[in-house]
Structures are given as structure tokens and as C-alpha cells.
Amino acid sequence: MKVLLTGATGYIGSAISRSLRSLGVVSLPLVRSKMSLSNSSRAIEFDLEDLSSFNWEIFKGFDVLIHTAALAHIPKGEGCSSLNKYRKINCAATLELAKFAINAGVKRFVFLSSIGVNGVGSDRPFTEKDEVVPHDEYSLSKYEAELGLLDIARNTEMEVVIIRPPLVYGPRAPGNFKTLVKWIRNSVPMPFGAINNLRSFIALDNLVDFTIFCSDKRRSPRAANEIFLISDGEDISTSEFLRKVAKSYKVKSRLISVPISWMQFAAKIFGKGYISDRLFGNLQVDSSKARGLLGWRPIISMDEQLEKIAAFDGVKKE
């Protein structure tokens, strides 16, 4: 198997790249700048904002394209419509890459989407059969890319696999997880002790393993032209997750029980209602399709991944 990989300098893409190398799989990273790679000898620079001059013949001889590159945030002050910007990068450029791949004879296209396509939360676990409710412009652009890819798959010989992960946690994870870990390590009191929700998570190691598994047609023939919601299968509350993080770092969790209604009110006042939805609401993922249809199983438990994160930050095992 020979793999093309976009977003090889991103958080998830770089982890996939490292795993491919460790498995001895031939891979070609596609990156915005070689300067961000420690070993850039075989990397190819490309710009999702302008693929007009891209030499798609580079794709020839490769079996699969794993597409993790995306526009996740738009800096304030951008002049153009944010939705148009998301669509240009996350949808139009994705479909253009798929057409390049078809012309080059690539047999499978693995697309990393988002659980946000399903919605921001629900009273029952999301499944692949649910009606989608993209909750923001980013998720909408991802969903539109999914529709385009599935249409391409119906009309060509190239197979498509779509993966929608929930929150991804691993060593040096960015975003909200990084902030929460920093607060926990510094023993900052947090008002999250009374959150009694249920949320699904996906360990970085599990997501990487599943993505590579779906990239190999011989190992996962039944993944062709399918959508998968993927998780660790260990749904817990936000409070319990934070306690597990504290335990892995061998510090005391300083979670104060504050009524959720108070925190939701405060979040809305400060224009952070979307953050309260993610912290306090339910978001469960039913990943039984991946297990039943493909026979895939997580390779690491939540506790093991959290211990690995802490060890990466220098916390020694007892």
C-alpha cells in the first residue's frame, strides 16, 4: 500500500504520518510548507486555496489518499464571507483533490470529517443513519464535501471512506483539551464538578489506527463508500473525564460543584454559549458499525491513552 497524506503537519495528520513510517508504509506527505516538517525530503508543497497549477501526476502509483487537511478556524478580520472560505477549502478543494486522485488511478479516498455534521448534541447516541444537523459553518462545509465525495464514488471506480470523530485527545492535543490539561496541572479550581452528562471521545491512537485500517482495501473491503462514527466506546461525563486526566497527571482534581444553569447563563452573557454546549451537553457516538461491519476494535483504552499523554509530558509511572 502506498499512501498520499494531506495535512501531514497537523495534529492528526502528523500522528498518521508517524504511524505509517513505523509500519513501513510508503507515504507521501502533502503540506502547505516543507519548513514545518523535520524530514521534508519527500514532501510535496500544495495550497488548498489554489490548486490550479498543482501537478496531479504526482499522485500516480499511489493506492490511497488520506485527506486530513482542512480549515478549522478563520482569523478575525478576514474580508470574505466565512462560509465561502470554509466551502472553498473544506469542500471545493477536497472535491478537486478527489478528481486528481481519480485521474491518477488512486483506488480509495479516506476523508476525515467531523461529528459536528451530526449536530452539537443529542439525547441519544448519534448513528450514521441519523438526519444530519451541521451546527456551524465548518461542519456544513464538511458535510457538503461528504455529499460531493459520495457522488464521485457513485460515478467512478474510486472508493470513498468518511470518518466523523468526536473530540480527539492525545499528547499535546490542541484546543480546549490543551487548556483544560494546563488548568488541571496547575491545580486551578474549576466549576465543573456537577456535570452529569455523557460524552464520547476518541483517543488519538485509536483514530490513527482506524484511519490507517480503512486505508487498506485488503483489510477493510467493506469500508468502501461508507460513513463511520468512531469513538473509544467509553462514554463518561465531562466531570469524570477531567478526574481521569488529573489522575493520570498524579494531581488532585479541584472540581467545584457549581449549578450548570449558573454556568450556562454566564457563558451566554460572555458570548461563549457554544463552549457550554460542549462542556455540559450530551454527545454520544454509536460506533457499533465500525466494530460490526469491519471487525475493528480500539487498540488503547481511555486510561491508557491518558497515561500516555501524561508520560509524554514527563509524568513518570509509579
Protein backbone atom coordinates (compact mmCIF):
# COMPACT_ATOMS: atom_id res chain seq x y z
CA MET A 1 0.00 0.00 0.00
CA LYS A 2 1.29 3.45 -0.98
CA VAL A 3 -0.35 6.41 0.74
CA LEU A 4 -0.81 10.09 -0.08
CA LEU A 5 -1.42 12.15 3.08
CA THR A 6 -2.64 15.73 3.28
CA GLY A 7 -2.31 17.74 6.47
CA ALA A 8 0.82 15.85 7.47
CA THR A 9 1.92 18.71 9.73
CA GLY A 10 -1.42 18.95 11.53
CA TYR A 11 -2.20 17.30 14.85
CA ILE A 12 -3.95 14.23 13.46
CA GLY A 13 -2.10 14.14 10.14
CA SER A 14 1.33 14.17 11.79
CA ALA A 15 0.29 11.26 14.04
CA ILE A 16 -0.89 9.29 11.00
CA SER A 17 2.40 10.09 9.24
CA ARG A 18 4.45 8.80 12.18
CA SER A 19 2.39 5.62 12.36
CA LEU A 20 2.74 4.96 8.63
CA ARG A 21 6.51 5.30 8.91
CA SER A 22 6.63 2.93 11.89
CA LEU A 23 4.64 0.37 9.89
CA GLY A 24 7.00 0.68 6.95
CA VAL A 25 4.25 2.02 4.67
CA VAL A 26 5.40 4.17 1.77
CA SER A 27 3.75 7.58 2.14
CA LEU A 28 4.00 11.00 0.53
CA PRO A 29 3.10 13.99 2.74
CA LEU A 30 1.28 16.89 1.07
CA VAL A 31 1.88 20.07 3.08
CA ARG A 32 1.49 23.84 2.79
CA SER A 33 5.15 24.33 3.67
CA LYS A 34 8.08 21.92 3.93
CA MET A 35 9.53 24.20 6.60
CA SER A 36 7.13 22.69 9.13
CA LEU A 37 8.43 19.15 8.56
CA SER A 38 11.51 17.74 10.28
CA ASN A 39 12.08 15.37 7.35
CA SER A 40 10.83 17.12 4.22
CA SER A 41 12.86 15.29 1.60
CA ARG A 42 9.84 13.57 0.04
CA ALA A 43 7.11 16.04 0.96
CA ILE A 44 5.19 17.94 -1.70
CA GLU A 45 4.04 21.50 -1.16
CA PHE A 46 0.49 22.34 -2.18
CA ASP A 47 -2.01 25.05 -1.36
CA LEU A 48 -5.68 24.14 -0.88
CA GLU A 49 -6.58 27.74 -1.68
CA ASP A 50 -5.14 27.45 -5.20
CA LEU A 51 -4.85 24.04 -6.84
CA SER A 52 -4.95 25.40 -10.40
CA SER A 53 -1.26 24.75 -11.02
CA PHE A 54 -0.95 21.57 -8.95
CA ASN A 55 0.67 18.67 -10.80
CA TRP A 56 -1.74 15.81 -10.12
CA GLU A 57 0.54 13.34 -11.93
CA ILE A 58 2.46 13.20 -8.64
CA PHE A 59 -0.42 11.02 -7.43
CA LYS A 60 0.31 8.27 -9.95
CA GLY A 61 1.39 4.97 -8.43
CA PHE A 62 -0.36 5.60 -5.10
CA ASP A 63 -3.20 3.44 -3.81
CA VAL A 64 -4.97 5.70 -1.32
CA LEU A 65 -5.28 9.36 -0.37
CA ILE A 66 -5.92 10.20 3.30
CA HIS A 67 -7.27 13.74 3.47
CA THR A 68 -6.90 15.36 6.91
CA ALA A 69 -6.07 18.92 5.82
CA ALA A 70 -8.86 21.41 6.49
CA LEU A 71 -9.67 24.95 7.51
CA ALA A 72 -10.89 24.72 11.10
CA HIS A 73 -10.78 28.37 12.15
CA ILE A 74 -10.87 31.69 10.34
CA PRO A 75 -8.86 34.54 11.91
CA LYS A 76 -10.81 37.64 12.79
CA GLY A 77 -10.59 40.41 10.23
CA GLU A 78 -10.85 38.20 7.13
CA GLY A 79 -12.60 40.20 4.45
CA CYS A 80 -14.52 37.45 2.68
CA SER A 81 -17.57 35.53 3.88
CA SER A 82 -16.51 32.93 6.41
CA LEU A 83 -18.87 30.31 4.96
CA ASN A 84 -17.47 30.88 1.47
CA LYS A 85 -13.96 30.48 2.84
CA TYR A 86 -14.84 27.21 4.59
CA ARG A 87 -16.54 25.94 1.45
CA LYS A 88 -13.57 26.83 -0.74
CA ILE A 89 -11.05 24.95 1.40
CA ASN A 90 -13.06 22.15 3.01
CA CYS A 91 -15.43 21.33 0.17
CA ALA A 92 -14.32 22.61 -3.25
CA ALA A 93 -10.61 21.82 -2.72
CA THR A 94 -11.47 18.39 -1.31
CA LEU A 95 -13.50 17.50 -4.39
CA GLU A 96 -10.74 18.84 -6.65
CA LEU A 97 -8.22 16.58 -4.88
CA ALA A 98 -10.59 13.65 -5.37
CA LYS A 99 -10.69 14.34 -9.11
CA PHE A 100 -6.89 14.49 -9.21
CA ALA A 101 -6.81 11.15 -7.41
CA ILE A 102 -9.21 9.57 -9.91
CA ASN A 103 -7.13 10.78 -12.85
CA ALA A 104 -4.03 9.27 -11.25
CA GLY A 105 -5.66 5.89 -10.61
CA VAL A 106 -5.93 6.17 -6.81
CA LYS A 107 -8.34 3.47 -5.61
CA ARG A 108 -9.54 4.84 -2.26
CA PHE A 109 -10.07 8.29 -0.72
CA VAL A 110 -10.29 8.47 3.10
CA PHE A 111 -11.85 11.71 4.32
CA LEU A 112 -11.60 12.93 7.90
CA SER A 113 -14.86 14.77 8.57
CA SER A 114 -16.40 15.82 11.92
CA ILE A 115 -19.07 14.68 14.35
CA GLY A 116 -20.32 18.25 14.08
CA VAL A 117 -22.02 17.12 10.87
CA ASN A 118 -24.47 15.17 13.05
CA GLY A 119 -25.02 18.10 15.39
CA VAL A 120 -23.86 19.70 18.60
CA GLY A 121 -25.54 17.14 20.86
CA SER A 122 -28.45 14.78 21.33
CA ASP A 123 -30.38 12.83 23.95
CA ARG A 124 -29.31 9.55 22.35
CA PRO A 125 -26.13 8.37 20.65
CA PHE A 126 -25.58 9.60 17.11
CA THR A 127 -25.51 6.98 14.34
CA GLU A 128 -24.60 7.05 10.67
CA LYS A 129 -28.30 6.83 9.76
CA ASP A 130 -29.36 9.97 11.63
CA GLU A 131 -30.53 13.07 9.81
CA VAL A 132 -27.59 15.47 9.83
CA VAL A 133 -27.75 18.86 11.55
CA PRO A 134 -24.41 20.65 10.93
CA HIS A 135 -24.14 23.09 13.83
CA ASP A 136 -21.72 25.63 12.34
CA GLU A 137 -20.17 26.76 9.06
CA TYR A 138 -17.19 24.43 9.44
CA SER A 139 -19.43 21.38 9.91
CA LEU A 140 -21.63 22.44 6.99
CA SER A 141 -18.63 22.67 4.68
CA LYS A 142 -17.52 19.21 5.79
CA TYR A 143 -20.97 17.78 5.12
CA GLU A 144 -21.08 19.32 1.66
CA ALA A 145 -17.70 17.72 0.96
CA GLU A 146 -19.10 14.36 2.11
CA LEU A 147 -22.01 14.66 -0.32
CA GLY A 148 -19.68 15.52 -3.17
CA LEU A 149 -17.33 12.64 -2.41
CA LEU A 150 -20.14 10.10 -2.22
CA ASP A 151 -21.46 11.37 -5.55
CA ILE A 152 -17.99 10.91 -7.06
CA ALA A 153 -17.84 7.38 -5.65
CA ARG A 154 -21.18 6.52 -7.28
CA ASN A 155 -19.92 7.63 -10.67
CA THR A 156 -16.30 6.43 -10.67
CA GLU A 157 -14.25 3.42 -9.59
CA MET A 158 -12.61 5.25 -6.69
CA GLU A 159 -13.92 4.23 -3.26
CA VAL A 160 -14.60 6.76 -0.52
CA VAL A 161 -14.48 6.28 3.26
CA ILE A 162 -15.78 9.05 5.54
CA ILE A 163 -14.83 9.22 9.24
CA ARG A 164 -16.61 11.51 11.74
CA PRO A 165 -14.70 11.62 15.05
CA PRO A 166 -15.80 13.38 18.26
CA LEU A 167 -13.27 15.17 20.47
CA VAL A 168 -9.78 13.77 19.86
CA TYR A 169 -7.38 13.62 22.82
CA GLY A 170 -3.74 12.68 22.83
CA PRO A 171 -0.25 14.02 23.63
CA ARG A 172 -0.10 17.78 23.07
CA ALA A 173 -3.67 17.92 21.79
CA PRO A 174 -4.67 21.49 20.84
CA GLY A 175 -7.79 23.48 21.63
CA ASN A 176 -9.99 23.09 24.70
CA PHE A 177 -8.31 19.87 25.81
CA LYS A 178 -4.93 21.59 25.96
CA THR A 179 -6.40 24.40 28.07
CA LEU A 180 -8.11 22.01 30.49
CA VAL A 181 -4.91 19.97 30.94
CA LYS A 182 -2.99 23.15 31.73
CA TRP A 183 -5.53 24.15 34.37
CA ILE A 184 -5.50 20.68 35.92
CA ARG A 185 -1.70 20.50 36.07
CA ASN A 186 -1.58 23.93 37.71
CA SER A 187 -4.27 22.91 40.24
CA VAL A 188 -6.61 25.66 39.08
CA PRO A 189 -10.07 25.25 40.70
CA MET A 190 -12.71 24.61 38.04
CA PRO A 191 -16.51 24.81 38.46
CA PHE A 192 -17.14 21.52 36.64
CA GLY A 193 -17.75 19.10 39.50
CA ALA A 194 -21.51 18.66 38.98
CA ILE A 195 -21.68 17.95 35.25
CA ASN A 196 -23.69 14.77 34.84
CA ASN A 197 -23.69 14.39 31.07
CA LEU A 198 -22.45 11.63 28.75
CA ARG A 199 -19.90 12.27 26.04
CA SER A 200 -17.92 10.14 23.62
CA PHE A 201 -14.22 10.69 23.00
CA ILE A 202 -11.67 9.19 20.63
CA ALA A 203 -8.06 8.59 21.64
CA LEU A 204 -5.56 9.80 19.06
CA ASP A 205 -4.06 6.30 18.86
CA ASN A 206 -7.47 4.79 18.12
CA LEU A 207 -8.33 7.35 15.46
CA VAL A 208 -4.98 6.88 13.74
CA ASP A 209 -5.33 3.11 13.82
CA PHE A 210 -8.86 3.22 12.41
CA THR A 211 -7.89 5.67 9.66
CA ILE A 212 -4.98 3.51 8.52
CA PHE A 213 -7.15 0.40 8.78
CA CYS A 214 -9.74 1.99 6.47
CA SER A 215 -6.97 2.99 4.07
CA ASP A 216 -6.06 -0.62 3.36
CA LYS A 217 -8.57 -2.09 0.91
CA ARG A 218 -7.40 -5.62 1.63
CA ARG A 219 -8.05 -5.31 5.36
CA SER A 220 -11.25 -3.28 5.09
CA PRO A 221 -13.04 -4.09 1.81
CA ARG A 222 -16.43 -3.46 3.42
CA ALA A 223 -15.48 0.13 4.30
CA ALA A 224 -15.91 1.19 0.67
CA ASN A 225 -18.30 4.14 0.24
CA GLU A 226 -19.33 4.09 3.90
CA ILE A 227 -19.58 6.67 6.68
CA PHE A 228 -18.28 5.78 10.14
CA LEU A 229 -18.81 7.40 13.52
CA ILE A 230 -15.91 6.36 15.68
CA SER A 231 -15.14 6.54 19.40
CA ASP A 232 -13.37 4.74 22.25
CA GLY A 233 -16.66 3.20 23.35
CA GLU A 234 -16.20 4.56 26.89
CA ASP A 235 -18.81 7.30 27.32
CA ILE A 236 -18.40 9.32 30.52
CA SER A 237 -19.30 12.73 31.93
CA THR A 238 -17.12 15.78 31.47
CA SER A 239 -16.50 15.78 35.24
CA GLU A 240 -15.35 12.17 35.26
CA PHE A 241 -13.14 12.75 32.23
CA LEU A 242 -11.40 15.64 33.99
CA ARG A 243 -10.92 13.49 37.10
CA LYS A 244 -9.30 10.82 34.93
CA VAL A 245 -6.97 13.44 33.42
CA ALA A 246 -5.98 14.61 36.91
CA LYS A 247 -5.32 11.03 37.99
CA SER A 248 -3.07 10.40 35.00
CA TYR A 249 -1.03 13.50 35.93
CA LYS A 250 -0.96 12.42 39.59
CA VAL A 251 -2.55 15.64 40.82
CA LYS A 252 -5.71 16.26 42.80
CA SER A 253 -8.67 17.32 40.72
CA ARG A 254 -10.02 20.61 42.05
CA LEU A 255 -13.54 20.45 40.64
CA ILE A 256 -16.10 22.61 42.39
CA SER A 257 -19.78 21.70 42.11
CA VAL A 258 -21.47 24.77 40.64
CA PRO A 259 -25.04 24.51 39.25
CA ILE A 260 -24.90 24.02 35.49
CA SER A 261 -27.66 26.59 34.96
CA TRP A 262 -25.43 29.27 36.50
CA MET A 263 -22.52 28.41 34.22
CA GLN A 264 -24.73 28.29 31.13
CA PHE A 265 -26.13 31.72 31.98
CA ALA A 266 -22.64 33.15 32.46
CA ALA A 267 -21.41 31.59 29.21
CA LYS A 268 -24.25 33.17 27.23
CA ILE A 269 -23.60 36.58 28.79
CA PHE A 270 -19.99 36.44 27.63
CA GLY A 271 -20.90 35.05 24.20
CA LYS A 272 -19.47 31.59 24.94
CA GLY A 273 -22.67 29.57 24.68
CA TYR A 274 -21.11 27.16 22.19
CA ILE A 275 -18.43 26.23 24.74
CA SER A 276 -21.05 25.49 27.39
CA ASP A 277 -22.82 23.17 24.93
CA ARG A 278 -19.63 21.17 24.51
CA LEU A 279 -18.83 21.03 28.22
CA PHE A 280 -22.28 20.43 29.67
CA GLY A 281 -24.34 18.74 26.96
CA ASN A 282 -24.58 15.12 25.88
CA LEU A 283 -22.75 13.99 22.77
CA GLN A 284 -22.59 10.24 22.38
CA VAL A 285 -21.46 8.32 19.35
CA ASP A 286 -22.63 4.83 18.46
CA SER A 287 -19.55 3.29 16.84
CA SER A 288 -21.02 -0.22 16.55
CA LYS A 289 -20.98 -0.02 12.75
CA ALA A 290 -17.17 0.12 12.70
CA ARG A 291 -17.00 -2.82 15.06
CA GLY A 292 -19.72 -4.93 13.44
CA LEU A 293 -19.16 -4.24 9.75
CA LEU A 294 -15.37 -4.06 9.82
CA GLY A 295 -14.45 -6.01 12.95
CA TRP A 296 -12.34 -3.09 14.19
CA ARG A 297 -11.60 -2.69 17.89
CA PRO A 298 -9.89 0.17 19.80
CA ILE A 299 -6.21 -0.53 20.38
CA ILE A 300 -5.96 1.56 23.56
CA SER A 301 -8.27 2.33 26.48
CA MET A 302 -9.06 5.81 27.73
CA ASP A 303 -6.99 5.34 30.88
CA GLU A 304 -4.04 4.03 28.86
CA GLN A 305 -4.18 6.97 26.45
CA LEU A 306 -4.35 9.47 29.30
CA GLU A 307 -1.35 7.82 30.99
CA LYS A 308 0.49 8.04 27.67
CA ILE A 309 -0.34 11.76 27.45
CA ALA A 310 0.99 12.36 30.96
CA ALA A 311 4.13 10.34 30.27
CA PHE A 312 4.73 12.43 27.14
CA ASP A 313 4.66 15.49 29.43
CA GLY A 314 7.20 13.96 31.76
CA VAL A 315 4.99 12.33 34.39
CA LYS A 316 6.70 9.13 35.49
CA LYS A 317 4.82 5.93 36.26
CA GLU A 318 4.95 4.74 39.85
